[in-house]
Amino acid sequence: MTQRKLTKIGNSLGFTLPKEQLARLGMAEGDAVYVSETPEGLLLSPYDPDFARQTEAAESILRRYRNAFRELAK
Protein backbone atom coordinates (compact mmCIF):
# COMPACT_ATOMS: atom_id res chain seq x y z
CA MET A 1 0.00 0.00 0.00
CA THR A 2 1.26 3.44 -0.91
CA GLN A 3 0.15 6.70 0.68
CA ARG A 4 -0.09 9.75 -1.58
CA LYS A 5 -1.05 13.34 -0.71
CA LEU A 6 -3.59 15.35 -2.67
CA THR A 7 -2.15 18.40 -4.42
CA LYS A 8 -3.91 21.36 -5.99
CA ILE A 9 -3.86 21.10 -9.79
CA GLY A 10 -5.63 24.11 -11.29
CA ASN A 11 -9.13 24.18 -9.75
CA SER A 12 -8.97 20.46 -8.88
CA LEU A 13 -7.08 18.14 -6.60
CA GLY A 14 -4.93 15.25 -7.75
CA PHE A 15 -2.07 12.97 -6.82
CA THR A 16 0.92 11.41 -8.52
CA LEU A 17 1.88 7.76 -8.78
CA PRO A 18 5.47 6.50 -8.51
CA LYS A 19 7.19 5.42 -11.74
CA GLU A 20 7.39 1.82 -10.51
CA GLN A 21 3.61 1.57 -10.06
CA LEU A 22 2.99 3.16 -13.46
CA ALA A 23 5.39 0.68 -15.05
CA ARG A 24 3.55 -2.27 -13.45
CA LEU A 25 0.30 -0.91 -14.86
CA GLY A 26 1.89 -0.42 -18.28
CA MET A 27 0.98 3.27 -18.20
CA ALA A 28 2.77 6.44 -19.26
CA GLU A 29 2.11 10.16 -19.40
CA GLY A 30 -1.04 10.98 -21.36
CA ASP A 31 -2.70 7.59 -20.86
CA ALA A 32 -6.31 7.48 -19.68
CA VAL A 33 -7.06 6.25 -16.16
CA TYR A 34 -10.48 4.79 -15.43
CA VAL A 35 -11.97 5.17 -11.96
CA SER A 36 -14.65 2.70 -10.82
CA GLU A 37 -16.48 2.65 -7.51
CA THR A 38 -16.42 -0.73 -5.76
CA PRO A 39 -17.72 -1.84 -2.35
CA GLU A 40 -14.10 -1.67 -1.12
CA GLY A 41 -13.48 1.87 -2.45
CA LEU A 42 -12.19 3.29 -5.70
CA LEU A 43 -10.46 1.18 -8.33
CA LEU A 44 -7.95 2.87 -10.68
CA SER A 45 -7.28 1.01 -13.90
CA PRO A 46 -5.76 1.62 -17.34
CA TYR A 47 -8.55 -0.51 -18.83
CA ASP A 48 -11.96 0.81 -19.80
CA PRO A 49 -14.52 -1.73 -18.50
CA ASP A 50 -17.14 -0.57 -21.03
CA PHE A 51 -14.69 -1.13 -23.90
CA ALA A 52 -13.82 -4.57 -22.51
CA ARG A 53 -17.53 -5.53 -22.46
CA GLN A 54 -17.97 -4.32 -26.04
CA THR A 55 -14.91 -6.29 -27.14
CA GLU A 56 -16.25 -9.45 -25.48
CA ALA A 57 -19.60 -8.97 -27.22
CA ALA A 58 -17.89 -8.52 -30.60
CA GLU A 59 -15.77 -11.63 -30.07
CA SER A 60 -18.88 -13.61 -29.20
CA ILE A 61 -20.59 -12.50 -32.43
CA LEU A 62 -17.48 -13.30 -34.47
CA ARG A 63 -17.33 -16.81 -32.96
CA ARG A 64 -21.04 -17.43 -33.52
CA TYR A 65 -21.03 -16.30 -37.14
CA ARG A 66 -17.47 -17.39 -37.99
CA ASN A 67 -18.47 -19.30 -41.13
CA ALA A 68 -20.62 -16.47 -42.45
CA PHE A 69 -17.78 -13.99 -41.97
CA ARG A 70 -15.38 -16.35 -43.77
CA GLU A 71 -17.73 -16.56 -46.75
CA LEU A 72 -18.15 -12.80 -46.82
CA ALA A 73 -14.38 -12.34 -46.77
CA LYS A 74 -13.97 -14.35 -50.01
PDB file of N, CA and C in Angstrom:
ATOM      1  N   MET A   1       0.852  -1.173   0.000  1.00  0.00           N
ATOM      2  CA  MET A   1       0.000   0.000   0.000  1.00  0.00           C
ATOM      3  C   MET A   1       0.897   1.235   0.000  1.00  0.00           C
ATOM      4  N   THR A   2       0.509   2.205  -0.798  1.00  0.00           N
ATOM      5  CA  THR A   2       1.262   3.445  -0.906  1.00  0.00           C
ATOM      6  C   THR A   2       0.369   4.605  -0.502  1.00  0.00           C
ATOM      7  N   GLN A   3       0.903   5.502   0.292  1.00  0.00           N
ATOM      8  CA  GLN A   3       0.153   6.698   0.677  1.00  0.00           C
ATOM      9  C   GLN A   3       0.591   7.848  -0.214  1.00  0.00           C
ATOM     10  N   ARG A   4      -0.372   8.583  -0.746  1.00  0.00           N
ATOM     11  CA  ARG A   4      -0.093   9.749  -1.579  1.00  0.00           C
ATOM     12  C   ARG A   4      -0.873  10.923  -1.021  1.00  0.00           C
ATOM     13  N   LYS A   5      -0.364  12.137  -1.182  1.00  0.00           N
ATOM     14  CA  LYS A   5      -1.050  13.341  -0.711  1.00  0.00           C
ATOM     15  C   LYS A   5      -1.705  14.046  -1.885  1.00  0.00           C
ATOM     16  N   LEU A   6      -2.894  14.593  -1.640  1.00  0.00           N
ATOM     17  CA  LEU A   6      -3.585  15.353  -2.673  1.00  0.00           C
ATOM     18  C   LEU A   6      -2.911  16.708  -2.834  1.00  0.00           C
ATOM     19  N   THR A   7      -2.796  17.144  -4.076  1.00  0.00           N
ATOM     20  CA  THR A   7      -2.148  18.404  -4.419  1.00  0.00           C
ATOM     21  C   THR A   7      -3.098  19.199  -5.308  1.00  0.00           C
ATOM     22  N   LYS A   8      -3.071  20.507  -5.154  1.00  0.00           N
ATOM     23  CA  LYS A   8      -3.912  21.359  -5.994  1.00  0.00           C
ATOM     24  C   LYS A   8      -3.346  21.368  -7.410  1.00  0.00           C
ATOM     25  N   ILE A   9      -4.215  21.076  -8.371  1.00  0.00           N
ATOM     26  CA  ILE A   9      -3.860  21.104  -9.792  1.00  0.00           C
ATOM     27  C   ILE A   9      -4.934  21.938 -10.478  1.00  0.00           C
ATOM     28  N   GLY A  10      -4.626  23.196 -10.752  1.00  0.00           N
ATOM     29  CA  GLY A  10      -5.634  24.112 -11.295  1.00  0.00           C
ATOM     30  C   GLY A  10      -6.735  24.307 -10.267  1.00  0.00           C
ATOM     31  N   ASN A  11      -7.992  24.067 -10.673  1.00  0.00           N
ATOM     32  CA  ASN A  11      -9.127  24.181  -9.753  1.00  0.00           C
ATOM     33  C   ASN A  11      -9.496  22.834  -9.137  1.00  0.00           C
ATOM     34  N   SER A  12      -8.677  21.816  -9.362  1.00  0.00           N
ATOM     35  CA  SER A  12      -8.971  20.462  -8.884  1.00  0.00           C
ATOM     36  C   SER A  12      -7.898  20.007  -7.906  1.00  0.00           C
ATOM     37  N   LEU A  13      -8.082  18.789  -7.425  1.00  0.00           N
ATOM     38  CA  LEU A  13      -7.075  18.136  -6.600  1.00  0.00           C
ATOM     39  C   LEU A  13      -6.651  16.856  -7.303  1.00  0.00           C
ATOM     40  N   GLY A  14      -5.406  16.469  -7.127  1.00  0.00           N
ATOM     41  CA  GLY A  14      -4.926  15.246  -7.747  1.00  0.00           C
ATOM     42  C   GLY A  14      -3.744  14.702  -6.971  1.00  0.00           C
ATOM     43  N   PHE A  15      -3.250  13.561  -7.427  1.00  0.00           N
ATOM     44  CA  PHE A  15      -2.067  12.971  -6.818  1.00  0.00           C
ATOM     45  C   PHE A  15      -1.239  12.296  -7.896  1.00  0.00           C
ATOM     46  N   THR A  16       0.022  12.058  -7.581  1.00  0.00           N
ATOM     47  CA  THR A  16       0.923  11.406  -8.522  1.00  0.00           C
ATOM     48  C   THR A  16       1.126   9.966  -8.095  1.00  0.00           C
ATOM     49  N   LEU A  17       1.540   9.145  -9.057  1.00  0.00           N
ATOM     50  CA  LEU A  17       1.882   7.755  -8.777  1.00  0.00           C
ATOM     51  C   LEU A  17       3.363   7.563  -9.067  1.00  0.00           C
ATOM     52  N   PRO A  18       4.049   6.753  -8.263  1.00  0.00           N
ATOM     53  CA  PRO A  18       5.468   6.496  -8.513  1.00  0.00           C
ATOM     54  C   PRO A  18       5.684   5.791  -9.850  1.00  0.00           C
ATOM     55  N   LYS A  19       6.855   6.025 -10.442  1.00  0.00           N
ATOM     56  CA  LYS A  19       7.189   5.423 -11.736  1.00  0.00           C
ATOM     57  C   LYS A  19       7.054   3.904 -11.710  1.00  0.00           C
ATOM     58  N   GLU A  20       7.443   3.282 -10.601  1.00  0.00           N
ATOM     59  CA  GLU A  20       7.392   1.822 -10.507  1.00  0.00           C
ATOM     60  C   GLU A  20       5.953   1.310 -10.627  1.00  0.00           C
ATOM     61  N   GLN A  21       5.018   1.998  -9.974  1.00  0.00           N
ATOM     62  CA  GLN A  21       3.614   1.574 -10.062  1.00  0.00           C
ATOM     63  C   GLN A  21       3.074   1.786 -11.467  1.00  0.00           C
ATOM     64  N   LEU A  22       3.425   2.902 -12.086  1.00  0.00           N
ATOM     65  CA  LEU A  22       2.987   3.159 -13.458  1.00  0.00           C
ATOM     66  C   LEU A  22       3.548   2.100 -14.410  1.00  0.00           C
ATOM     67  N   ALA A  23       4.780   1.714 -14.202  1.00  0.00           N
ATOM     68  CA  ALA A  23       5.392   0.682 -15.052  1.00  0.00           C
ATOM     69  C   ALA A  23       4.662  -0.647 -14.891  1.00  0.00           C
ATOM     70  N   ARG A  24       4.289  -1.009 -13.659  1.00  0.00           N
ATOM     71  CA  ARG A  24       3.554  -2.268 -13.448  1.00  0.00           C
ATOM     72  C   ARG A  24       2.195  -2.232 -14.125  1.00  0.00           C
ATOM     73  N   LEU A  25       1.590  -1.049 -14.185  1.00  0.00           N
ATOM     74  CA  LEU A  25       0.297  -0.906 -14.858  1.00  0.00           C
ATOM     75  C   LEU A  25       0.450  -0.789 -16.373  1.00  0.00           C
ATOM     76  N   GLY A  26       1.672  -0.604 -16.843  1.00  0.00           N
ATOM     77  CA  GLY A  26       1.894  -0.420 -18.276  1.00  0.00           C
ATOM     78  C   GLY A  26       1.395   0.935 -18.743  1.00  0.00           C
ATOM     79  N   MET A  27       1.512   1.940 -17.880  1.00  0.00           N
ATOM     80  CA  MET A  27       0.978   3.267 -18.196  1.00  0.00           C
ATOM     81  C   MET A  27       2.103   4.293 -18.315  1.00  0.00           C
ATOM     82  N   ALA A  28       1.815   5.353 -19.076  1.00  0.00           N
ATOM     83  CA  ALA A  28       2.766   6.442 -19.260  1.00  0.00           C
ATOM     84  C   ALA A  28       1.983   7.756 -19.309  1.00  0.00           C
ATOM     85  N   GLU A  29       2.723   8.839 -19.346  1.00  0.00           N
ATOM     86  CA  GLU A  29       2.110  10.163 -19.395  1.00  0.00           C
ATOM     87  C   GLU A  29       1.145  10.258 -20.576  1.00  0.00           C
ATOM     88  N   GLY A  30      -0.032  10.807 -20.321  1.00  0.00           N
ATOM     89  CA  GLY A  30      -1.038  10.982 -21.365  1.00  0.00           C
ATOM     90  C   GLY A  30      -2.032   9.847 -21.475  1.00  0.00           C
ATOM     91  N   ASP A  31      -1.769   8.716 -20.819  1.00  0.00           N
ATOM     92  CA  ASP A  31      -2.703   7.589 -20.855  1.00  0.00           C
ATOM     93  C   ASP A  31      -3.952   7.909 -20.037  1.00  0.00           C
ATOM     94  N   ALA A  32      -5.061   7.311 -20.419  1.00  0.00           N
ATOM     95  CA  ALA A  32      -6.313   7.485 -19.679  1.00  0.00           C
ATOM     96  C   ALA A  32      -6.320   6.556 -18.464  1.00  0.00           C
ATOM     97  N   VAL A  33      -6.882   7.047 -17.374  1.00  0.00           N
ATOM     98  CA  VAL A  33      -7.061   6.247 -16.160  1.00  0.00           C
ATOM     99  C   VAL A  33      -8.554   6.177 -15.889  1.00  0.00           C
ATOM    100  N   TYR A  34      -9.055   4.978 -15.684  1.00  0.00           N
ATOM    101  CA  TYR A  34     -10.477   4.785 -15.427  1.00  0.00           C
ATOM    102  C   TYR A  34     -10.689   4.554 -13.937  1.00  0.00           C
ATOM    103  N   VAL A  35     -11.669   5.255 -13.381  1.00  0.00           N
ATOM    104  CA  VAL A  35     -11.973   5.167 -11.956  1.00  0.00           C
ATOM    105  C   VAL A  35     -13.343   4.525 -11.806  1.00  0.00           C
ATOM    106  N   SER A  36     -13.393   3.411 -11.065  1.00  0.00           N
ATOM    107  CA  SER A  36     -14.646   2.703 -10.818  1.00  0.00           C
ATOM    108  C   SER A  36     -14.873   2.644  -9.318  1.00  0.00           C
ATOM    109  N   GLU A  37     -16.134   2.799  -8.918  1.00  0.00           N
ATOM    110  CA  GLU A  37     -16.476   2.650  -7.507  1.00  0.00           C
ATOM    111  C   GLU A  37     -16.790   1.188  -7.234  1.00  0.00           C
ATOM    112  N   THR A  38     -16.182   0.643  -6.181  1.00  0.00           N
ATOM    113  CA  THR A  38     -16.423  -0.733  -5.762  1.00  0.00           C
ATOM    114  C   THR A  38     -16.845  -0.711  -4.294  1.00  0.00           C
ATOM    115  N   PRO A  39     -17.370  -1.802  -3.769  1.00  0.00           N
ATOM    116  CA  PRO A  39     -17.723  -1.838  -2.350  1.00  0.00           C
ATOM    117  C   PRO A  39     -16.516  -1.571  -1.434  1.00  0.00           C
ATOM    118  N   GLU A  40     -15.301  -1.883  -1.922  1.00  0.00           N
ATOM    119  CA  GLU A  40     -14.095  -1.674  -1.122  1.00  0.00           C
ATOM    120  C   GLU A  40     -13.545  -0.255  -1.240  1.00  0.00           C
ATOM    121  N   GLY A  41     -13.990   0.512  -2.215  1.00  0.00           N
ATOM    122  CA  GLY A  41     -13.480   1.871  -2.448  1.00  0.00           C
ATOM    123  C   GLY A  41     -13.361   2.133  -3.926  1.00  0.00           C
ATOM    124  N   LEU A  42     -12.393   2.952  -4.302  1.00  0.00           N
ATOM    125  CA  LEU A  42     -12.189   3.292  -5.704  1.00  0.00           C
ATOM    126  C   LEU A  42     -11.154   2.366  -6.325  1.00  0.00           C
ATOM    127  N   LEU A  43     -11.383   2.011  -7.581  1.00  0.00           N
ATOM    128  CA  LEU A  43     -10.461   1.183  -8.332  1.00  0.00           C
ATOM    129  C   LEU A  43      -9.926   2.007  -9.493  1.00  0.00           C
ATOM    130  N   LEU A  44      -8.606   2.165  -9.572  1.00  0.00           N
ATOM    131  CA  LEU A  44      -7.954   2.869 -10.679  1.00  0.00           C
ATOM    132  C   LEU A  44      -7.432   1.819 -11.643  1.00  0.00           C
ATOM    133  N   SER A  45      -7.692   2.011 -12.927  1.00  0.00           N
ATOM    134  CA  SER A  45      -7.285   1.009 -13.899  1.00  0.00           C
ATOM    135  C   SER A  45      -6.979   1.673 -15.239  1.00  0.00           C
ATOM    136  N   PRO A  46      -6.008   1.107 -15.991  1.00  0.00           N
ATOM    137  CA  PRO A  46      -5.758   1.622 -17.335  1.00  0.00           C
ATOM    138  C   PRO A  46      -6.741   1.061 -18.355  1.00  0.00           C
ATOM    139  N   TYR A  47      -7.630   0.168 -17.916  1.00  0.00           N
ATOM    140  CA  TYR A  47      -8.552  -0.505 -18.835  1.00  0.00           C
ATOM    141  C   TYR A  47      -9.957   0.029 -18.669  1.00  0.00           C
ATOM    142  N   ASP A  48     -10.589   0.318 -19.784  1.00  0.00           N
ATOM    143  CA  ASP A  48     -11.965   0.813 -19.795  1.00  0.00           C
ATOM    144  C   ASP A  48     -12.910  -0.387 -19.727  1.00  0.00           C
ATOM    145  N   PRO A  49     -13.647  -0.557 -18.610  1.00  0.00           N
ATOM    146  CA  PRO A  49     -14.521  -1.727 -18.498  1.00  0.00           C
ATOM    147  C   PRO A  49     -15.622  -1.753 -19.562  1.00  0.00           C
ATOM    148  N   ASP A  50     -16.120  -0.604 -19.976  1.00  0.00           N
ATOM    149  CA  ASP A  50     -17.142  -0.572 -21.028  1.00  0.00           C
ATOM    150  C   ASP A  50     -16.561  -1.083 -22.353  1.00  0.00           C
ATOM    151  N   PHE A  51     -15.341  -0.665 -22.669  1.00  0.00           N
ATOM    152  CA  PHE A  51     -14.693  -1.127 -23.898  1.00  0.00           C
ATOM    153  C   PHE A  51     -14.452  -2.628 -23.834  1.00  0.00           C
ATOM    154  N   ALA A  52     -14.062  -3.130 -22.673  1.00  0.00           N
ATOM    155  CA  ALA A  52     -13.825  -4.573 -22.514  1.00  0.00           C
ATOM    156  C   ALA A  52     -15.121  -5.348 -22.750  1.00  0.00           C
ATOM    157  N   ARG A  53     -16.246  -4.853 -22.239  1.00  0.00           N
ATOM    158  CA  ARG A  53     -17.534  -5.531 -22.462  1.00  0.00           C
ATOM    159  C   ARG A  53     -17.897  -5.522 -23.945  1.00  0.00           C
ATOM    160  N   GLN A  54     -17.665  -4.404 -24.611  1.00  0.00           N
ATOM    161  CA  GLN A  54     -17.969  -4.315 -26.040  1.00  0.00           C
ATOM    162  C   GLN A  54     -17.091  -5.272 -26.843  1.00  0.00           C
ATOM    163  N   THR A  55     -15.830  -5.381 -26.457  1.00  0.00           N
ATOM    164  CA  THR A  55     -14.913  -6.289 -27.138  1.00  0.00           C
ATOM    165  C   THR A  55     -15.363  -7.739 -26.956  1.00  0.00           C
ATOM    166  N   GLU A  56     -15.769  -8.085 -25.735  1.00  0.00           N
ATOM    167  CA  GLU A  56     -16.254  -9.449 -25.479  1.00  0.00           C
ATOM    168  C   GLU A  56     -17.499  -9.748 -26.311  1.00  0.00           C
ATOM    169  N   ALA A  57     -18.394  -8.770 -26.420  1.00  0.00           N
ATOM    170  CA  ALA A  57     -19.605  -8.972 -27.223  1.00  0.00           C
ATOM    171  C   ALA A  57     -19.245  -9.169 -28.691  1.00  0.00           C
ATOM    172  N   ALA A  58     -18.301  -8.376 -29.200  1.00  0.00           N
ATOM    173  CA  ALA A  58     -17.893  -8.517 -30.599  1.00  0.00           C
ATOM    174  C   ALA A  58     -17.254  -9.871 -30.845  1.00  0.00           C
ATOM    175  N   GLU A  59     -16.411 -10.318 -29.915  1.00  0.00           N
ATOM    176  CA  GLU A  59     -15.772 -11.627 -30.073  1.00  0.00           C
ATOM    177  C   GLU A  59     -16.799 -12.749 -30.059  1.00  0.00           C
ATOM    178  N   SER A  60     -17.823 -12.610 -29.249  1.00  0.00           N
ATOM    179  CA  SER A  60     -18.885 -13.610 -29.201  1.00  0.00           C
ATOM    180  C   SER A  60     -19.614 -13.692 -30.540  1.00  0.00           C
ATOM    181  N   ILE A  61     -19.906 -12.544 -31.125  1.00  0.00           N
ATOM    182  CA  ILE A  61     -20.588 -12.503 -32.426  1.00  0.00           C
ATOM    183  C   ILE A  61     -19.698 -13.102 -33.505  1.00  0.00           C
ATOM    184  N   LEU A  62     -18.403 -12.758 -33.459  1.00  0.00           N
ATOM    185  CA  LEU A  62     -17.478 -13.301 -34.467  1.00  0.00           C
ATOM    186  C   LEU A  62     -17.374 -14.820 -34.359  1.00  0.00           C
ATOM    187  N   ARG A  63     -17.380 -15.354 -33.128  1.00  0.00           N
ATOM    188  CA  ARG A  63     -17.330 -16.810 -32.961  1.00  0.00           C
ATOM    189  C   ARG A  63     -18.617 -17.457 -33.473  1.00  0.00           C
ATOM    190  N   ARG A  64     -19.747 -16.850 -33.147  1.00  0.00           N
ATOM    191  CA  ARG A  64     -21.041 -17.434 -33.517  1.00  0.00           C
ATOM    192  C   ARG A  64     -21.229 -17.467 -35.029  1.00  0.00           C
ATOM    193  N   TYR A  65     -20.816 -16.405 -35.698  1.00  0.00           N
ATOM    194  CA  TYR A  65     -21.027 -16.299 -37.141  1.00  0.00           C
ATOM    195  C   TYR A  65     -19.718 -16.430 -37.925  1.00  0.00           C
ATOM    196  N   ARG A  66     -18.789 -17.224 -37.388  1.00  0.00           N
ATOM    197  CA  ARG A  66     -17.470 -17.390 -37.990  1.00  0.00           C
ATOM    198  C   ARG A  66     -17.559 -17.824 -39.453  1.00  0.00           C
ATOM    199  N   ASN A  67     -18.378 -18.811 -39.743  1.00  0.00           N
ATOM    200  CA  ASN A  67     -18.475 -19.303 -41.127  1.00  0.00           C
ATOM    201  C   ASN A  67     -19.044 -18.256 -42.066  1.00  0.00           C
ATOM    202  N   ALA A  68     -20.042 -17.522 -41.599  1.00  0.00           N
ATOM    203  CA  ALA A  68     -20.622 -16.472 -42.446  1.00  0.00           C
ATOM    204  C   ALA A  68     -19.588 -15.394 -42.745  1.00  0.00           C
ATOM    205  N   PHE A  69     -18.808 -15.006 -41.760  1.00  0.00           N
ATOM    206  CA  PHE A  69     -17.778 -13.990 -41.974  1.00  0.00           C
ATOM    207  C   PHE A  69     -16.695 -14.499 -42.925  1.00  0.00           C
ATOM    208  N   ARG A  70     -16.355 -15.781 -42.837  1.00  0.00           N
ATOM    209  CA  ARG A  70     -15.384 -16.355 -43.768  1.00  0.00           C
ATOM    210  C   ARG A  70     -15.878 -16.273 -45.197  1.00  0.00           C
ATOM    211  N   GLU A  71     -17.161 -16.622 -45.393  1.00  0.00           N
ATOM    212  CA  GLU A  71     -17.728 -16.565 -46.748  1.00  0.00           C
ATOM    213  C   GLU A  71     -17.772 -15.135 -47.264  1.00  0.00           C
ATOM    214  N   LEU A  72     -18.106 -14.201 -46.391  1.00  0.00           N
ATOM    215  CA  LEU A  72     -18.152 -12.795 -46.818  1.00  0.00           C
ATOM    216  C   LEU A  72     -16.758 -12.259 -47.161  1.00  0.00           C
ATOM    217  N   ALA A  73     -15.751 -12.795 -46.540  1.00  0.00           N
ATOM    218  CA  ALA A  73     -14.382 -12.337 -46.775  1.00  0.00           C
ATOM    219  C   ALA A  73     -13.830 -12.816 -48.117  1.00  0.00           C
ATOM    220  N   LYS A  74     -14.461 -13.810 -48.729  1.00  0.00           N
ATOM    221  CA  LYS A  74     -13.966 -14.346 -50.010  1.00  0.00           C
ATOM    222  C   LYS A  74     -14.209 -13.401 -51.147  1.00  0.00           C
TER     223      LYS A  74
END
